[in-house]
Amino acid sequence: MEFPFDINQIFPERVSILDQSLVAGRRSAGRPDLQAHIATVIDELGRASAKAQQLTAPITSASKLQTQKHQLYLLKDGESSGGRGLIVGFLKVGYKKLFLLDRQGVHIEAEPLCVLDFYIAENLQRHGYGLELFDFMLQHKNFEPVMMAYDRPSPKFLSFLAKHYCLTQSVPQVNNFVVFEGFFLNRSAAQLRKVPPKKPDGEIKPYSLMEREAVRQEQRTRPWPFAPPHSPQRSVYSQCSQSLSMRSSPSRAPPQAVLPSSPGGSRNQNPQSPLIDRCRERRSSHQGLAARRSLYSRHMDGRAAGLLDRPLPGALLPHRHCCVHPRRKASAA
């Protein structure tokens, strides 16, 4: 694959190893123009690989390589194209955490080295470039082909593995990765970990501990007349009626303090004010009894209603009988 710039100037080695930094040797370090050319080469190779594998989108690009911990091995031919060189192909590898199935169908968790993308230009295939690039990667990683996983290998790639590395018996998986029989036999117990089975679901409780405590508090008996009804549907209504009765009953209003009279007080003060205040207090207690009778009648039985019908001890007649003027009282005597 040819490019309009000098490949030998960007990639000094025959096989260059690229990572997140997009630096191929010391010459391209700190050179934004050379790094831009490197990104162009990677993007063109990714599009060519996706087209050859009939993929909808490329899986290799410069932006993806910068955000992932993968390595890309790039092979060039420095003597072609009038000494400017050309790109032969690339191989991308990286570690992936996978859940695999062995021959017995047991789920195994592993993180092997995976071949993620492999491409050789169509006009340069069957010249030994693919084998040269793959062997260089194996020597650099110190790996065996059987110990690796392969992401969606094409039929050409599977034929390549069977021809050069005798990898023919694959273990069926539920994902897009392909592993071969020796993958599970040659690994230690530290590299393979069996996935523990799921724990059975525990017994479903009808309600939580907080709800149990709330029910236990509702069942506690309260002093009459604040006892909640037996029906659970009316417990909310009883609480509302209780708060309403405590707010609306005049007999539960806090007594107002009487300010001491000053020598120059108002003219409305008269010697009959204590008697009038006493009458008002008794009248309010009588009205509070009537309010309680109307509010609590639906929550009480006949026995409790009979207690409310009895007059309070010390209760007097209505206001017109108790509030008698002193002069009229003297004349009547």
C-alpha atoms as a PDB file:
ATOM      1  CA  MET A   1       0.000   0.000   0.000  1.00  0.00           C
ATOM      2  CA  GLU A   2       1.592   3.234  -1.191  1.00  0.00           C
ATOM      3  CA  PHE A   3       1.336   6.704   0.352  1.00  0.00           C
ATOM      4  CA  PRO A   4       2.296  10.185  -0.944  1.00  0.00           C
ATOM      5  CA  PHE A   5       5.051  10.578   1.670  1.00  0.00           C
ATOM      6  CA  ASP A   6       8.269   8.776   2.486  1.00  0.00           C
ATOM      7  CA  ILE A   7       7.520   5.626   4.490  1.00  0.00           C
ATOM      8  CA  ASN A   8      11.180   5.015   5.326  1.00  0.00           C
ATOM      9  CA  GLN A   9      11.432   8.397   7.013  1.00  0.00           C
ATOM     10  CA  ILE A  10       8.461   7.642   9.304  1.00  0.00           C
ATOM     11  CA  PHE A  11       9.123   3.934   9.962  1.00  0.00           C
ATOM     12  CA  PRO A  12      12.876   3.297  10.191  1.00  0.00           C
ATOM     13  CA  GLU A  13      12.544  -0.431  11.058  1.00  0.00           C
ATOM     14  CA  ARG A  14      11.139  -3.168   8.881  1.00  0.00           C
ATOM     15  CA  VAL A  15       8.609  -4.044  11.600  1.00  0.00           C
ATOM     16  CA  SER A  16       7.484  -1.121  13.762  1.00  0.00           C
ATOM     17  CA  ILE A  17       5.592  -1.525  17.031  1.00  0.00           C
ATOM     18  CA  LEU A  18       2.975   1.173  17.720  1.00  0.00           C
ATOM     19  CA  ASP A  19       0.980   1.788  20.885  1.00  0.00           C
ATOM     20  CA  GLN A  20      -1.037   4.642  22.399  1.00  0.00           C
ATOM     21  CA  SER A  21       1.703   7.206  21.795  1.00  0.00           C
ATOM     22  CA  LEU A  22       1.722   6.707  17.990  1.00  0.00           C
ATOM     23  CA  VAL A  23       5.509   6.941  17.978  1.00  0.00           C
ATOM     24  CA  ALA A  24       7.561   4.781  15.622  1.00  0.00           C
ATOM     25  CA  GLY A  25      11.164   5.244  16.711  1.00  0.00           C
ATOM     26  CA  ARG A  26      13.063   8.236  18.004  1.00  0.00           C
ATOM     27  CA  ARG A  27      12.690  10.202  14.814  1.00  0.00           C
ATOM     28  CA  SER A  28       8.904  10.586  15.098  1.00  0.00           C
ATOM     29  CA  ALA A  29       8.954  11.488  18.814  1.00  0.00           C
ATOM     30  CA  GLY A  30       7.945  15.111  19.262  1.00  0.00           C
ATOM     31  CA  ARG A  31       7.127  15.548  15.562  1.00  0.00           C
ATOM     32  CA  PRO A  32       3.426  16.359  15.081  1.00  0.00           C
ATOM     33  CA  ASP A  33       3.763  16.182  11.299  1.00  0.00           C
ATOM     34  CA  LEU A  34       5.176  12.647  11.409  1.00  0.00           C
ATOM     35  CA  GLN A  35       2.561  11.531  13.922  1.00  0.00           C
ATOM     36  CA  ALA A  36      -0.140  12.849  11.575  1.00  0.00           C
ATOM     37  CA  HIS A  37       1.315  10.672   8.786  1.00  0.00           C
ATOM     38  CA  ILE A  38       1.343   7.675  11.139  1.00  0.00           C
ATOM     39  CA  ALA A  39      -2.332   8.247  11.944  1.00  0.00           C
ATOM     40  CA  THR A  40      -3.120   8.433   8.216  1.00  0.00           C
ATOM     41  CA  VAL A  41      -1.368   5.094   7.596  1.00  0.00           C
ATOM     42  CA  ILE A  42      -3.246   3.370  10.441  1.00  0.00           C
ATOM     43  CA  ASP A  43      -6.624   4.709   9.310  1.00  0.00           C
ATOM     44  CA  GLU A  44      -6.058   3.575   5.704  1.00  0.00           C
ATOM     45  CA  LEU A  45      -4.992   0.117   6.819  1.00  0.00           C
ATOM     46  CA  GLY A  46      -8.037  -0.186   9.093  1.00  0.00           C
ATOM     47  CA  ARG A  47     -10.428   0.689   6.276  1.00  0.00           C
ATOM     48  CA  ALA A  48      -8.745  -1.767   3.920  1.00  0.00           C
ATOM     49  CA  SER A  49      -8.966  -4.542   6.524  1.00  0.00           C
ATOM     50  CA  ALA A  50     -12.659  -3.867   7.165  1.00  0.00           C
ATOM     51  CA  LYS A  51     -13.366  -3.963   3.423  1.00  0.00           C
ATOM     52  CA  ALA A  52     -11.498  -7.247   3.007  1.00  0.00           C
ATOM     53  CA  GLN A  53     -13.432  -8.836   5.923  1.00  0.00           C
ATOM     54  CA  GLN A  54     -16.734  -7.311   4.749  1.00  0.00           C
ATOM     55  CA  LEU A  55     -17.266  -5.403   7.987  1.00  0.00           C
ATOM     56  CA  THR A  56     -19.622  -2.461   8.256  1.00  0.00           C
ATOM     57  CA  ALA A  57     -17.049  -0.304  10.089  1.00  0.00           C
ATOM     58  CA  PRO A  58     -13.287  -0.523  10.632  1.00  0.00           C
ATOM     59  CA  ILE A  59     -12.148  -1.965  13.944  1.00  0.00           C
ATOM     60  CA  THR A  60      -8.674  -0.412  13.699  1.00  0.00           C
ATOM     61  CA  SER A  61      -8.007   3.324  13.664  1.00  0.00           C
ATOM     62  CA  ALA A  62      -5.548   5.791  15.165  1.00  0.00           C
ATOM     63  CA  SER A  63      -8.135   7.172  17.592  1.00  0.00           C
ATOM     64  CA  LYS A  64      -9.028   3.694  18.876  1.00  0.00           C
ATOM     65  CA  LEU A  65      -5.384   2.768  19.269  1.00  0.00           C
ATOM     66  CA  GLN A  66      -4.801   5.885  21.386  1.00  0.00           C
ATOM     67  CA  THR A  67      -7.625   4.972  23.786  1.00  0.00           C
ATOM     68  CA  GLN A  68      -6.898   1.237  24.111  1.00  0.00           C
ATOM     69  CA  LYS A  69      -3.972  -0.701  25.519  1.00  0.00           C
ATOM     70  CA  HIS A  70      -3.280  -2.569  22.298  1.00  0.00           C
ATOM     71  CA  GLN A  71      -0.173  -2.966  20.170  1.00  0.00           C
ATOM     72  CA  LEU A  72       0.053  -2.752  16.412  1.00  0.00           C
ATOM     73  CA  TYR A  73       2.840  -4.444  14.433  1.00  0.00           C
ATOM     74  CA  LEU A  74       3.379  -2.736  11.060  1.00  0.00           C
ATOM     75  CA  LEU A  75       5.411  -4.350   8.279  1.00  0.00           C
ATOM     76  CA  LYS A  76       6.980  -2.333   5.443  1.00  0.00           C
ATOM     77  CA  ASP A  77       8.992  -2.985   2.304  1.00  0.00           C
ATOM     78  CA  GLY A  78      11.594  -0.262   2.233  1.00  0.00           C
ATOM     79  CA  GLU A  79      13.009  -1.015  -1.223  1.00  0.00           C
ATOM     80  CA  SER A  80       9.779  -0.666  -3.166  1.00  0.00           C
ATOM     81  CA  SER A  81       8.205   2.438  -4.687  1.00  0.00           C
ATOM     82  CA  GLY A  82      11.466   3.984  -5.850  1.00  0.00           C
ATOM     83  CA  GLY A  83      13.144   3.700  -2.449  1.00  0.00           C
ATOM     84  CA  ARG A  84      10.351   5.502  -0.595  1.00  0.00           C
ATOM     85  CA  GLY A  85       8.934   2.241   0.731  1.00  0.00           C
ATOM     86  CA  LEU A  86       5.393   0.897   1.036  1.00  0.00           C
ATOM     87  CA  ILE A  87       3.255  -0.690   3.742  1.00  0.00           C
ATOM     88  CA  VAL A  88       2.730  -4.447   3.473  1.00  0.00           C
ATOM     89  CA  GLY A  89       0.278  -5.056   6.320  1.00  0.00           C
ATOM     90  CA  PHE A  90      -0.300  -4.946  10.070  1.00  0.00           C
ATOM     91  CA  LEU A  91      -1.199  -7.135  13.029  1.00  0.00           C
ATOM     92  CA  LYS A  92      -3.002  -5.822  16.135  1.00  0.00           C
ATOM     93  CA  VAL A  93      -2.985  -7.719  19.462  1.00  0.00           C
ATOM     94  CA  GLY A  94      -4.118  -7.018  22.996  1.00  0.00           C
ATOM     95  CA  TYR A  95      -5.260  -8.617  26.228  1.00  0.00           C
ATOM     96  CA  LYS A  96      -8.978  -9.206  26.773  1.00  0.00           C
ATOM     97  CA  LYS A  97     -10.941 -10.625  29.698  1.00  0.00           C
ATOM     98  CA  LEU A  98     -13.067 -13.454  28.322  1.00  0.00           C
ATOM     99  CA  PHE A  99     -15.560 -16.013  29.603  1.00  0.00           C
ATOM    100  CA  LEU A 100     -14.886 -19.206  27.708  1.00  0.00           C
ATOM    101  CA  LEU A 101     -16.190 -22.786  27.637  1.00  0.00           C
ATOM    102  CA  ASP A 102     -13.931 -25.792  27.826  1.00  0.00           C
ATOM    103  CA  ARG A 103     -14.646 -29.218  26.362  1.00  0.00           C
ATOM    104  CA  GLN A 104     -16.847 -30.145  29.341  1.00  0.00           C
ATOM    105  CA  GLY A 105     -18.917 -26.970  29.014  1.00  0.00           C
ATOM    106  CA  VAL A 106     -17.519 -25.392  32.193  1.00  0.00           C
ATOM    107  CA  HIS A 107     -17.298 -21.597  32.221  1.00  0.00           C
ATOM    108  CA  ILE A 108     -13.721 -20.398  32.517  1.00  0.00           C
ATOM    109  CA  GLU A 109     -12.645 -16.811  33.128  1.00  0.00           C
ATOM    110  CA  ALA A 110      -9.347 -15.898  31.444  1.00  0.00           C
ATOM    111  CA  GLU A 111      -7.484 -12.887  30.070  1.00  0.00           C
ATOM    112  CA  PRO A 112      -5.430 -14.195  27.150  1.00  0.00           C
ATOM    113  CA  LEU A 113      -3.516 -12.379  24.469  1.00  0.00           C
ATOM    114  CA  CYS A 114      -5.883 -11.957  21.523  1.00  0.00           C
ATOM    115  CA  VAL A 115      -5.351 -11.346  17.831  1.00  0.00           C
ATOM    116  CA  LEU A 116      -7.769  -8.504  17.139  1.00  0.00           C
ATOM    117  CA  ASP A 117      -6.989  -7.598  13.512  1.00  0.00           C
ATOM    118  CA  PHE A 118      -4.693  -9.017  10.835  1.00  0.00           C
ATOM    119  CA  TYR A 119      -4.342  -7.715   7.307  1.00  0.00           C
ATOM    120  CA  ILE A 120      -1.913  -8.106   4.382  1.00  0.00           C
ATOM    121  CA  ALA A 121      -2.449  -6.138   1.197  1.00  0.00           C
ATOM    122  CA  GLU A 122      -4.210  -8.205  -1.460  1.00  0.00           C
ATOM    123  CA  ASN A 123      -1.489  -7.763  -4.098  1.00  0.00           C
ATOM    124  CA  LEU A 124       1.194  -8.860  -1.596  1.00  0.00           C
ATOM    125  CA  GLN A 125      -0.453 -11.990  -0.211  1.00  0.00           C
ATOM    126  CA  ARG A 126       1.119 -15.468  -0.632  1.00  0.00           C
ATOM    127  CA  HIS A 127       4.616 -14.002  -0.493  1.00  0.00           C
ATOM    128  CA  GLY A 128       5.428 -14.984   3.081  1.00  0.00           C
ATOM    129  CA  TYR A 129       4.803 -11.524   4.545  1.00  0.00           C
ATOM    130  CA  GLY A 130       2.003 -12.715   6.807  1.00  0.00           C
ATOM    131  CA  LEU A 131       4.123 -15.512   8.297  1.00  0.00           C
ATOM    132  CA  GLU A 132       7.041 -13.115   8.807  1.00  0.00           C
ATOM    133  CA  LEU A 133       4.850 -10.608  10.640  1.00  0.00           C
ATOM    134  CA  PHE A 134       3.110 -13.236  12.784  1.00  0.00           C
ATOM    135  CA  ASP A 135       6.407 -14.897  13.796  1.00  0.00           C
ATOM    136  CA  PHE A 136       7.867 -11.543  14.755  1.00  0.00           C
ATOM    137  CA  MET A 137       4.905 -10.932  17.081  1.00  0.00           C
ATOM    138  CA  LEU A 138       5.249 -14.381  18.671  1.00  0.00           C
ATOM    139  CA  GLN A 139       8.949 -13.821  19.357  1.00  0.00           C
ATOM    140  CA  HIS A 140       8.349 -10.359  20.745  1.00  0.00           C
ATOM    141  CA  LYS A 141       5.569 -11.568  23.091  1.00  0.00           C
ATOM    142  CA  ASN A 142       7.222 -14.957  23.764  1.00  0.00           C
ATOM    143  CA  PHE A 143       3.919 -16.719  23.088  1.00  0.00           C
ATOM    144  CA  GLU A 144       2.680 -19.844  21.379  1.00  0.00           C
ATOM    145  CA  PRO A 145      -0.155 -19.595  18.838  1.00  0.00           C
ATOM    146  CA  VAL A 146      -2.227 -22.184  20.716  1.00  0.00           C
ATOM    147  CA  MET A 147      -2.200 -20.031  23.837  1.00  0.00           C
ATOM    148  CA  MET A 148      -3.904 -17.118  22.086  1.00  0.00           C
ATOM    149  CA  ALA A 149      -7.515 -16.278  21.308  1.00  0.00           C
ATOM    150  CA  TYR A 150      -8.618 -15.015  17.890  1.00  0.00           C
ATOM    151  CA  ASP A 151     -11.348 -12.452  17.401  1.00  0.00           C
ATOM    152  CA  ARG A 152     -13.634 -13.320  14.470  1.00  0.00           C
ATOM    153  CA  PRO A 153     -10.962 -14.901  12.254  1.00  0.00           C
ATOM    154  CA  SER A 154     -11.733 -14.985   8.560  1.00  0.00           C
ATOM    155  CA  PRO A 155     -11.603 -18.234   6.591  1.00  0.00           C
ATOM    156  CA  LYS A 156      -8.224 -17.169   5.143  1.00  0.00           C
ATOM    157  CA  PHE A 157      -6.837 -16.602   8.625  1.00  0.00           C
ATOM    158  CA  LEU A 158      -8.083 -20.000   9.831  1.00  0.00           C
ATOM    159  CA  SER A 159      -6.410 -21.630   6.835  1.00  0.00           C
ATOM    160  CA  PHE A 160      -3.225 -19.715   7.654  1.00  0.00           C
ATOM    161  CA  LEU A 161      -3.244 -21.032  11.257  1.00  0.00           C
ATOM    162  CA  ALA A 162      -3.942 -24.586  10.157  1.00  0.00           C
ATOM    163  CA  LYS A 163      -1.180 -24.536   7.522  1.00  0.00           C
ATOM    164  CA  HIS A 164       1.648 -22.965   9.517  1.00  0.00           C
ATOM    165  CA  TYR A 165       0.798 -23.836  13.153  1.00  0.00           C
ATOM    166  CA  CYS A 166      -1.390 -26.963  12.861  1.00  0.00           C
ATOM    167  CA  LEU A 167      -4.310 -25.348  14.706  1.00  0.00           C
ATOM    168  CA  THR A 168      -7.362 -27.196  13.459  1.00  0.00           C
ATOM    169  CA  GLN A 169      -9.431 -28.393  16.441  1.00  0.00           C
ATOM    170  CA  SER A 170     -11.229 -25.419  17.907  1.00  0.00           C
ATOM    171  CA  VAL A 171     -13.449 -25.398  20.991  1.00  0.00           C
ATOM    172  CA  PRO A 172     -16.910 -23.937  20.282  1.00  0.00           C
ATOM    173  CA  GLN A 173     -17.657 -20.713  22.141  1.00  0.00           C
ATOM    174  CA  VAL A 174     -20.716 -18.543  22.635  1.00  0.00           C
ATOM    175  CA  ASN A 175     -18.857 -15.355  21.623  1.00  0.00           C
ATOM    176  CA  ASN A 176     -16.906 -14.331  18.524  1.00  0.00           C
ATOM    177  CA  PHE A 177     -13.554 -15.568  19.830  1.00  0.00           C
ATOM    178  CA  VAL A 178     -11.943 -18.803  18.658  1.00  0.00           C
ATOM    179  CA  VAL A 179      -9.666 -20.898  20.892  1.00  0.00           C
ATOM    180  CA  PHE A 180      -8.098 -24.254  20.196  1.00  0.00           C
ATOM    181  CA  GLU A 181      -7.804 -27.422  22.267  1.00  0.00           C
ATOM    182  CA  GLY A 182      -4.381 -26.758  23.710  1.00  0.00           C
ATOM    183  CA  PHE A 183      -5.578 -23.449  25.141  1.00  0.00           C
ATOM    184  CA  PHE A 184      -7.008 -25.091  28.290  1.00  0.00           C
ATOM    185  CA  LEU A 185      -4.436 -27.893  28.650  1.00  0.00           C
ATOM    186  CA  ASN A 186      -1.265 -25.807  28.695  1.00  0.00           C
ATOM    187  CA  ARG A 187      -2.413 -23.124  31.119  1.00  0.00           C
ATOM    188  CA  SER A 188      -1.840 -23.099  34.857  1.00  0.00           C
ATOM    189  CA  ALA A 189      -4.567 -22.797  37.460  1.00  0.00           C
ATOM    190  CA  ALA A 190      -3.533 -19.192  38.140  1.00  0.00           C
ATOM    191  CA  GLN A 191      -4.271 -18.177  34.537  1.00  0.00           C
ATOM    192  CA  LEU A 192      -7.644 -19.925  34.394  1.00  0.00           C
ATOM    193  CA  ARG A 193     -10.336 -19.380  37.001  1.00  0.00           C
ATOM    194  CA  LYS A 194     -13.627 -21.200  37.063  1.00  0.00           C
ATOM    195  CA  VAL A 195     -16.630 -18.950  37.344  1.00  0.00           C
ATOM    196  CA  PRO A 196     -18.507 -19.782  40.593  1.00  0.00           C
ATOM    197  CA  PRO A 197     -22.142 -20.834  40.169  1.00  0.00           C
ATOM    198  CA  LYS A 198     -24.831 -18.348  41.019  1.00  0.00           C
ATOM    199  CA  LYS A 199     -26.177 -18.437  44.527  1.00  0.00           C
ATOM    200  CA  PRO A 200     -29.816 -19.542  44.828  1.00  0.00           C
ATOM    201  CA  ASP A 201     -32.242 -16.787  45.570  1.00  0.00           C
ATOM    202  CA  GLY A 202     -33.116 -16.567  49.242  1.00  0.00           C
ATOM    203  CA  GLU A 203     -36.574 -16.706  50.748  1.00  0.00           C
ATOM    204  CA  ILE A 204     -38.625 -13.630  49.899  1.00  0.00           C
ATOM    205  CA  LYS A 205     -39.848 -12.001  53.076  1.00  0.00           C
ATOM    206  CA  PRO A 206     -43.326 -10.466  53.115  1.00  0.00           C
ATOM    207  CA  TYR A 207     -42.089  -7.169  54.513  1.00  0.00           C
ATOM    208  CA  SER A 208     -38.971  -5.591  55.889  1.00  0.00           C
ATOM    209  CA  LEU A 209     -37.938  -5.101  59.509  1.00  0.00           C
ATOM    210  CA  MET A 210     -38.954  -1.445  59.457  1.00  0.00           C
ATOM    211  CA  GLU A 211     -42.465  -2.370  58.340  1.00  0.00           C
ATOM    212  CA  ARG A 212     -42.652  -4.972  61.072  1.00  0.00           C
ATOM    213  CA  GLU A 213     -41.738  -2.368  63.667  1.00  0.00           C
ATOM    214  CA  ALA A 214     -44.417  -0.026  62.292  1.00  0.00           C
ATOM    215  CA  VAL A 215     -47.049  -2.759  62.558  1.00  0.00           C
ATOM    216  CA  ARG A 216     -45.891  -3.538  66.097  1.00  0.00           C
ATOM    217  CA  GLN A 217     -46.310   0.091  67.117  1.00  0.00           C
ATOM    218  CA  GLU A 218     -49.802   0.233  65.644  1.00  0.00           C
ATOM    219  CA  GLN A 219     -50.824  -2.763  67.702  1.00  0.00           C
ATOM    220  CA  ARG A 220     -49.868  -1.100  70.972  1.00  0.00           C
ATOM    221  CA  THR A 221     -52.928   0.002  72.917  1.00  0.00           C
ATOM    222  CA  ARG A 222     -53.409   3.688  73.564  1.00  0.00           C
ATOM    223  CA  PRO A 223     -55.442   5.304  76.376  1.00  0.00           C
ATOM    224  CA  TRP A 224     -59.028   6.095  75.500  1.00  0.00           C
ATOM    225  CA  PRO A 225     -60.141   7.988  73.468  1.00  0.00           C
ATOM    226  CA  PHE A 226     -56.971   7.852  71.352  1.00  0.00           C
ATOM    227  CA  ALA A 227     -57.039   4.083  70.790  1.00  0.00           C
ATOM    228  CA  PRO A 228     -56.892   3.289  67.036  1.00  0.00           C
ATOM    229  CA  PRO A 229     -59.742   1.285  65.501  1.00  0.00           C
ATOM    230  CA  HIS A 230     -59.332  -2.446  64.942  1.00  0.00           C
ATOM    231  CA  SER A 231     -59.663  -2.130  61.196  1.00  0.00           C
ATOM    232  CA  PRO A 232     -56.260  -1.453  59.534  1.00  0.00           C
ATOM    233  CA  GLN A 233     -57.937   0.553  56.768  1.00  0.00           C
ATOM    234  CA  ARG A 234     -59.148   3.143  59.253  1.00  0.00           C
ATOM    235  CA  SER A 235     -55.896   3.618  61.173  1.00  0.00           C
ATOM    236  CA  VAL A 236     -54.905   6.602  59.057  1.00  0.00           C
ATOM    237  CA  TYR A 237     -58.335   8.165  59.531  1.00  0.00           C
ATOM    238  CA  SER A 238     -58.141   7.755  63.304  1.00  0.00           C
ATOM    239  CA  GLN A 239     -54.803   9.537  63.427  1.00  0.00           C
ATOM    240  CA  CYS A 240     -56.187  12.406  61.372  1.00  0.00           C
ATOM    241  CA  SER A 241     -59.242  12.697  63.614  1.00  0.00           C
ATOM    242  CA  GLN A 242     -57.006  12.659  66.681  1.00  0.00           C
ATOM    243  CA  SER A 243     -54.904  15.576  65.415  1.00  0.00           C
ATOM    244  CA  LEU A 244     -58.059  17.439  64.358  1.00  0.00           C
ATOM    245  CA  SER A 245     -59.659  17.046  67.775  1.00  0.00           C
ATOM    246  CA  MET A 246     -56.556  18.285  69.591  1.00  0.00           C
ATOM    247  CA  ARG A 247     -56.415  21.380  67.371  1.00  0.00           C
ATOM    248  CA  SER A 248     -60.129  22.250  67.248  1.00  0.00           C
ATOM    249  CA  SER A 249     -61.263  21.528  70.797  1.00  0.00           C
ATOM    250  CA  PRO A 250     -61.493  24.809  72.733  1.00  0.00           C
ATOM    251  CA  SER A 251     -60.966  23.051  76.060  1.00  0.00           C
ATOM    252  CA  ARG A 252     -57.374  22.075  75.036  1.00  0.00           C
ATOM    253  CA  ALA A 253     -56.296  25.615  74.189  1.00  0.00           C
ATOM    254  CA  PRO A 254     -53.502  26.806  76.480  1.00  0.00           C
ATOM    255  CA  PRO A 255     -54.721  29.299  79.055  1.00  0.00           C
ATOM    256  CA  GLN A 256     -53.753  32.847  78.398  1.00  0.00           C
ATOM    257  CA  ALA A 257     -51.893  34.657  81.101  1.00  0.00           C
ATOM    258  CA  VAL A 258     -53.684  37.680  82.591  1.00  0.00           C
ATOM    259  CA  LEU A 259     -51.469  40.701  82.656  1.00  0.00           C
ATOM    260  CA  PRO A 260     -51.445  42.655  85.916  1.00  0.00           C
ATOM    261  CA  SER A 261     -53.357  45.892  85.768  1.00  0.00           C
ATOM    262  CA  SER A 262     -51.450  49.103  85.947  1.00  0.00           C
ATOM    263  CA  PRO A 263     -52.539  52.136  87.983  1.00  0.00           C
ATOM    264  CA  GLY A 264     -53.563  53.920  84.797  1.00  0.00           C
ATOM    265  CA  GLY A 265     -55.357  50.966  83.210  1.00  0.00           C
ATOM    266  CA  SER A 266     -58.240  51.021  80.783  1.00  0.00           C
ATOM    267  CA  ARG A 267     -61.726  51.984  81.823  1.00  0.00           C
ATOM    268  CA  ASN A 268     -63.169  48.550  80.921  1.00  0.00           C
ATOM    269  CA  GLN A 269     -61.748  46.957  84.041  1.00  0.00           C
ATOM    270  CA  ASN A 270     -64.470  46.455  86.665  1.00  0.00           C
ATOM    271  CA  PRO A 271     -64.887  44.343  89.780  1.00  0.00           C
ATOM    272  CA  GLN A 272     -67.002  41.796  87.863  1.00  0.00           C
ATOM    273  CA  SER A 273     -64.124  40.689  85.512  1.00  0.00           C
ATOM    274  CA  PRO A 274     -63.109  37.580  87.561  1.00  0.00           C
ATOM    275  CA  LEU A 275     -66.693  36.356  87.540  1.00  0.00           C
ATOM    276  CA  ILE A 276     -67.021  36.889  83.784  1.00  0.00           C
ATOM    277  CA  ASP A 277     -63.752  35.043  83.117  1.00  0.00           C
ATOM    278  CA  ARG A 278     -64.913  32.096  85.214  1.00  0.00           C
ATOM    279  CA  CYS A 279     -68.175  31.923  83.270  1.00  0.00           C
ATOM    280  CA  ARG A 280     -66.350  32.020  79.936  1.00  0.00           C
ATOM    281  CA  GLU A 281     -64.074  29.208  81.017  1.00  0.00           C
ATOM    282  CA  ARG A 282     -66.991  26.988  82.021  1.00  0.00           C
ATOM    283  CA  ARG A 283     -68.840  27.763  78.830  1.00  0.00           C
ATOM    284  CA  SER A 284     -65.755  26.847  76.734  1.00  0.00           C
ATOM    285  CA  SER A 285     -65.421  23.542  78.584  1.00  0.00           C
ATOM    286  CA  HIS A 286     -69.045  22.764  77.787  1.00  0.00           C
ATOM    287  CA  GLN A 287     -68.501  23.594  74.090  1.00  0.00           C
ATOM    288  CA  GLY A 288     -65.353  21.450  74.051  1.00  0.00           C
ATOM    289  CA  LEU A 289     -67.442  18.533  75.329  1.00  0.00           C
ATOM    290  CA  ALA A 290     -69.829  18.993  72.453  1.00  0.00           C
ATOM    291  CA  ALA A 291     -66.954  19.111  69.942  1.00  0.00           C
ATOM    292  CA  ARG A 292     -65.460  15.924  71.344  1.00  0.00           C
ATOM    293  CA  ARG A 293     -68.828  14.190  71.175  1.00  0.00           C
ATOM    294  CA  SER A 294     -69.200  15.065  67.485  1.00  0.00           C
ATOM    295  CA  LEU A 295     -65.629  14.081  66.566  1.00  0.00           C
ATOM    296  CA  TYR A 296     -65.207  10.873  68.562  1.00  0.00           C
ATOM    297  CA  SER A 297     -68.676   9.420  68.112  1.00  0.00           C
ATOM    298  CA  ARG A 298     -67.717   7.317  65.109  1.00  0.00           C
ATOM    299  CA  HIS A 299     -64.760   5.714  66.922  1.00  0.00           C
ATOM    300  CA  MET A 300     -66.506   4.845  70.190  1.00  0.00           C
ATOM    301  CA  ASP A 301     -68.993   2.248  71.199  1.00  0.00           C
ATOM    302  CA  GLY A 302     -72.215   2.850  73.142  1.00  0.00           C
ATOM    303  CA  ARG A 303     -70.513   2.656  76.525  1.00  0.00           C
ATOM    304  CA  ALA A 304     -68.060   5.423  75.679  1.00  0.00           C
ATOM    305  CA  ALA A 305     -70.820   7.591  74.219  1.00  0.00           C
ATOM    306  CA  GLY A 306     -72.783   7.264  77.467  1.00  0.00           C
ATOM    307  CA  LEU A 307     -69.839   8.627  79.411  1.00  0.00           C
ATOM    308  CA  LEU A 308     -69.777  11.725  77.260  1.00  0.00           C
ATOM    309  CA  ASP A 309     -73.492  12.369  77.850  1.00  0.00           C
ATOM    310  CA  ARG A 310     -72.923  12.785  81.561  1.00  0.00           C
ATOM    311  CA  PRO A 311     -72.382  16.363  82.725  1.00  0.00           C
ATOM    312  CA  LEU A 312     -68.933  17.294  83.877  1.00  0.00           C
ATOM    313  CA  PRO A 313     -68.494  17.647  87.644  1.00  0.00           C
ATOM    314  CA  GLY A 314     -68.887  21.248  88.705  1.00  0.00           C
ATOM    315  CA  ALA A 315     -70.554  22.279  85.463  1.00  0.00           C
ATOM    316  CA  LEU A 316     -73.123  25.109  85.825  1.00  0.00           C
ATOM    317  CA  LEU A 317     -76.098  26.168  83.834  1.00  0.00           C
ATOM    318  CA  PRO A 318     -75.817  28.153  80.590  1.00  0.00           C
ATOM    319  CA  HIS A 319     -74.334  31.599  80.503  1.00  0.00           C
ATOM    320  CA  ARG A 320     -77.542  33.515  81.127  1.00  0.00           C
ATOM    321  CA  HIS A 321     -78.052  31.830  84.523  1.00  0.00           C
ATOM    322  CA  CYS A 322     -74.533  32.187  85.870  1.00  0.00           C
ATOM    323  CA  CYS A 323     -73.654  35.715  84.764  1.00  0.00           C
ATOM    324  CA  VAL A 324     -76.017  37.721  87.071  1.00  0.00           C
ATOM    325  CA  HIS A 325     -75.436  41.369  87.773  1.00  0.00           C
ATOM    326  CA  PRO A 326     -74.580  42.101  91.485  1.00  0.00           C
ATOM    327  CA  ARG A 327     -77.356  44.723  91.913  1.00  0.00           C
ATOM    328  CA  ARG A 328     -80.038  42.345  90.610  1.00  0.00           C
ATOM    329  CA  LYS A 329     -78.682  39.613  92.834  1.00  0.00           C
ATOM    330  CA  ALA A 330     -78.968  41.861  95.886  1.00  0.00           C
ATOM    331  CA  SER A 331     -82.523  42.904  95.034  1.00  0.00           C
ATOM    332  CA  ALA A 332     -83.539  39.286  94.497  1.00  0.00           C
ATOM    333  CA  ALA A 333     -82.143  38.330  97.895  1.00  0.00           C
END
